[in-house]
Structure formats: structure tokens, C-alpha cells
Amino acid sequence: MCNNCLGQLDEDFIKVRDFLEENPNNQGVAEIVEVTGVSKEHVMYLLRSDRLVTAAPVLGGIQCQMCHKPISAGTLCESCRIHLSSTLQKTVPPPPQKSKEDSQSPGARMHTRGLADKLGKK
């Protein structure tokens, strides 16, 4: 985004944030757009990017990208986020274990003092 667009998005964020603080029981995205004058695209972007977080899902707002349940912010509901995280952890191989021989071998350490001495620096 250009600087002008970022500035406009910041102004829109403040308008929507203030509206939500003053009207926690609002009727949803349509009301937010109508009262604040902020475009629906900006409201949806602010919700998806976690800049705006509501106590409950906003009517006409965003949905989980996996199960399509209404959510209050981000792209995934909590249960889908946990499921995705555990699935990914199962697919990532564990880091290789270092044996005692590897960690005790003379070549396993880095020495720089000799190099600095050779370059004439102390």
C-alpha cells in the first residue's frame, strides 16, 4: 500500500475502533459501514488482519476459512487454528539429535582469534 492508503486505513481503523467501543452491541458490518463511513472492504480487512477484534463475531463479518463459522477476527476460528497447528507439528520432522562425539570433536568449535591475529588486529 502507498503512504496515502496506509494513512487512510489508519484513520478508518480509529473510526471503527471508536464506534465499536461506544456501541458493543452493534448490528454488524452494515451498521459499522453506514455510521462510520468506512468502506466494507476496509472493515473486513481490519477484522481479518487482527487489527480489530470484537468480543463476538460481527453480523455479516468474517468467517473461518476452514469451517466457515462466524469469527470475530483473523482468518481461522480457535478450533481450526488448534487443529491446523497440531497437524503441522506432526508433519515437521524433529531436529536431528547431536551425538556426544559431534559436540566433543575439535572441529565442532569456531575459533576466530587466530584469524584476527593473522590480519594484524588484536
Protein backbone atom coordinates (compact mmCIF):
# COMPACT_ATOMS: atom_id res chain seq x y z
CA MET A 1 0.00 0.00 0.00
CA CYS A 2 1.11 3.54 -0.64
CA ASN A 3 1.53 6.04 2.20
CA ASN A 4 -1.80 7.73 1.40
CA CYS A 5 -3.66 4.40 1.53
CA LEU A 6 -1.95 3.43 4.79
CA GLY A 7 -2.86 6.80 6.28
CA GLN A 8 -6.50 6.34 5.20
CA LEU A 9 -6.55 2.82 6.65
CA ASP A 10 -5.21 4.15 9.97
CA GLU A 11 -7.94 6.82 10.04
CA ASP A 12 -10.57 4.18 9.22
CA PHE A 13 -9.23 1.96 12.00
CA ILE A 14 -9.65 4.75 14.55
CA LYS A 15 -13.21 5.48 13.39
CA VAL A 16 -14.26 1.82 13.55
CA ARG A 17 -12.45 1.16 16.83
CA ASP A 18 -14.13 4.15 18.47
CA PHE A 19 -17.53 3.11 17.12
CA LEU A 20 -17.12 -0.45 18.43
CA GLU A 21 -16.04 0.79 21.86
CA GLU A 22 -19.10 3.07 22.09
CA ASN A 23 -21.50 0.51 20.54
CA PRO A 24 -20.53 -3.01 21.65
CA ASN A 25 -23.99 -4.32 20.69
CA ASN A 26 -23.91 -3.00 17.11
CA GLN A 27 -25.90 -4.69 14.37
CA GLY A 28 -22.92 -5.76 12.28
CA VAL A 29 -20.75 -4.72 9.36
CA ALA A 30 -23.57 -2.93 7.54
CA GLU A 31 -24.17 -0.67 10.56
CA ILE A 32 -20.43 -0.05 11.02
CA VAL A 33 -20.13 0.97 7.35
CA GLU A 34 -23.22 3.18 7.49
CA VAL A 35 -22.37 5.01 10.72
CA THR A 36 -18.60 5.40 10.27
CA GLY A 37 -18.48 5.92 6.52
CA VAL A 38 -15.63 3.39 6.30
CA SER A 39 -15.81 1.09 3.29
CA LYS A 40 -16.85 -2.52 3.82
CA GLU A 41 -13.55 -3.64 2.30
CA HIS A 42 -11.58 -1.70 4.92
CA VAL A 43 -13.73 -3.01 7.78
CA MET A 44 -13.28 -6.59 6.57
CA TYR A 45 -9.52 -6.06 6.10
CA LEU A 46 -9.18 -4.68 9.63
CA LEU A 47 -11.04 -7.69 11.04
CA ARG A 48 -9.09 -10.26 9.02
CA SER A 49 -5.72 -8.72 9.85
CA ASP A 50 -6.49 -8.83 13.60
CA ARG A 51 -6.24 -5.05 13.94
CA LEU A 52 -9.86 -5.02 15.11
CA VAL A 53 -11.05 -7.69 17.48
CA THR A 54 -14.63 -7.84 18.68
CA ALA A 55 -15.98 -9.69 21.69
CA ALA A 56 -18.29 -11.71 19.45
CA PRO A 57 -18.47 -12.36 15.71
CA VAL A 58 -19.86 -9.37 13.84
CA LEU A 59 -23.06 -9.95 11.88
CA GLY A 60 -22.14 -10.05 8.19
CA GLY A 61 -18.49 -10.16 9.15
CA ILE A 62 -15.78 -12.66 8.52
CA GLN A 63 -15.90 -16.44 8.57
CA CYS A 64 -13.33 -19.11 9.35
CA GLN A 65 -11.66 -20.07 6.09
CA MET A 66 -11.79 -23.77 7.01
CA CYS A 67 -15.18 -24.42 8.66
CA HIS A 68 -16.99 -21.17 7.71
CA LYS A 69 -18.17 -20.42 11.26
CA PRO A 70 -18.50 -16.69 12.05
CA ILE A 71 -15.39 -15.37 13.81
CA SER A 72 -14.55 -12.06 15.45
CA ALA A 73 -11.09 -11.58 13.93
CA GLY A 74 -8.35 -13.23 11.90
CA THR A 75 -8.83 -15.97 9.32
CA LEU A 76 -9.41 -19.13 11.40
CA CYS A 77 -11.60 -19.99 14.39
CA GLU A 78 -9.84 -21.22 17.52
CA SER A 79 -10.67 -24.90 16.97
CA CYS A 80 -9.45 -24.85 13.35
CA ARG A 81 -6.30 -22.96 14.41
CA ILE A 82 -5.54 -25.65 17.03
CA HIS A 83 -6.27 -28.44 14.55
CA LEU A 84 -4.06 -26.88 11.87
CA SER A 85 -1.24 -26.29 14.34
CA SER A 86 -1.27 -29.88 15.60
CA THR A 87 -1.43 -31.22 12.03
CA LEU A 88 1.57 -29.11 11.01
CA GLN A 89 3.55 -30.17 14.07
CA LYS A 90 3.02 -33.81 13.12
CA THR A 91 4.35 -33.23 9.59
CA VAL A 92 7.53 -31.38 10.59
CA PRO A 93 10.37 -33.80 11.34
CA PRO A 94 12.12 -33.33 14.70
CA PRO A 95 15.52 -31.64 14.59
CA PRO A 96 18.45 -34.07 14.33
CA GLN A 97 19.96 -35.06 17.66
CA LYS A 98 23.65 -34.33 18.09
CA SER A 99 25.71 -37.19 19.37
CA LYS A 100 28.32 -36.74 22.08
CA GLU A 101 31.03 -37.37 19.52
CA ASP A 102 29.85 -34.45 17.35
CA SER A 103 29.77 -31.98 20.21
CA GLN A 104 33.18 -33.03 21.58
CA SER A 105 35.10 -33.15 18.32
CA PRO A 106 37.80 -30.48 17.92
CA GLY A 107 36.30 -29.21 14.66
CA ALA A 108 32.92 -28.52 16.26
CA ARG A 109 34.02 -25.21 17.77
CA MET A 110 34.61 -21.94 15.98
CA HIS A 111 37.91 -20.16 16.58
CA THR A 112 38.41 -16.61 15.40
CA ARG A 113 41.32 -15.39 17.49
CA GLY A 114 43.91 -16.92 15.20
CA LEU A 115 42.33 -15.24 12.19
CA ALA A 116 42.33 -11.82 13.87
CA ASP A 117 46.00 -12.26 14.82
CA LYS A 118 46.91 -13.14 11.24
CA LEU A 119 45.16 -9.97 9.98
CA GLY A 120 47.14 -7.85 12.42
CA LYS A 121 44.19 -6.97 14.66
CA LYS A 122 44.12 -7.55 18.38
